[in-house]
């Protein structure tokens, strides 16, 4: 599933190119996870003001309303002045004066949804429960530590929940916990302030590095120009079960937490 870094890489790939464009046509393919919530023809003539990100949602601001776009489990976007004929898995085309924005989504768990603004009920339903942005100024250490102290669940699960800090997906939670030296099964409430400080910094560093490396491509993620990400090639623990830890040489372990795979070093992450 594309996580925060992959969504941010996608945004960076087309935000400047589509800004100021006039929508000329909108074509829908097979139904996605949620309906568009407006007749596609109603978007024709509107202007794209810019593209933002909130967690794993892309927010395309229009001169009237906005589109909330989610890549789901396997979705990817492309933006081209002369795209090929749409294929079986192309389910949304927004033709603009600057080019065509296309959503390709084999599993159709993604979505493109229209809302009048962020206070609209549908937008609130999708965005209202999201935590602070880990790469923004709102991700403050004191609030983060206080939030951890209120959670009895394992720290890995708290990071994945997204209501304390948003967008720390499965790959990046494992990597940040390794960098901070914290075992993923430790109760969040037991994390001291010094360890919370290390984890806070690790979350920022891991996510920022992943964006710089173009995200992670484990199966089918590609950026707006069809290129793969490379962060997975330098992962320290994720996907490396049985391989030696890059720090101490101990075999990396894999466990299941909440139906997700977790990877850690039993020596470097003792507690």
Foldseek 3Di string as FASTA:
>chain_A
DDFDLLLVLQQVVPFVLQAFWFFAFKAFDDAAQDDQADPRVVRHGWGFHTWDDAGQWIWTDIPFWIKTKHQFPFKAKAWAADDDDDDPQWGMWTQIPRTIIIIGHPVRHIDIYTDRYCVGPVNCVVRVQAAAELQDPPLDLVQLLVVLLVFFFFQLVVQCVGNHYGGCDQLNSLQLCLQLLADRRHRSSPQDSVSSVSSSVSSNVSSVVCNVQNHAPPDHRDHNHRHHGDSVVVRQWPPQAQAAGPPPGAGWHWDDDPNDIHIYGCVSNVD
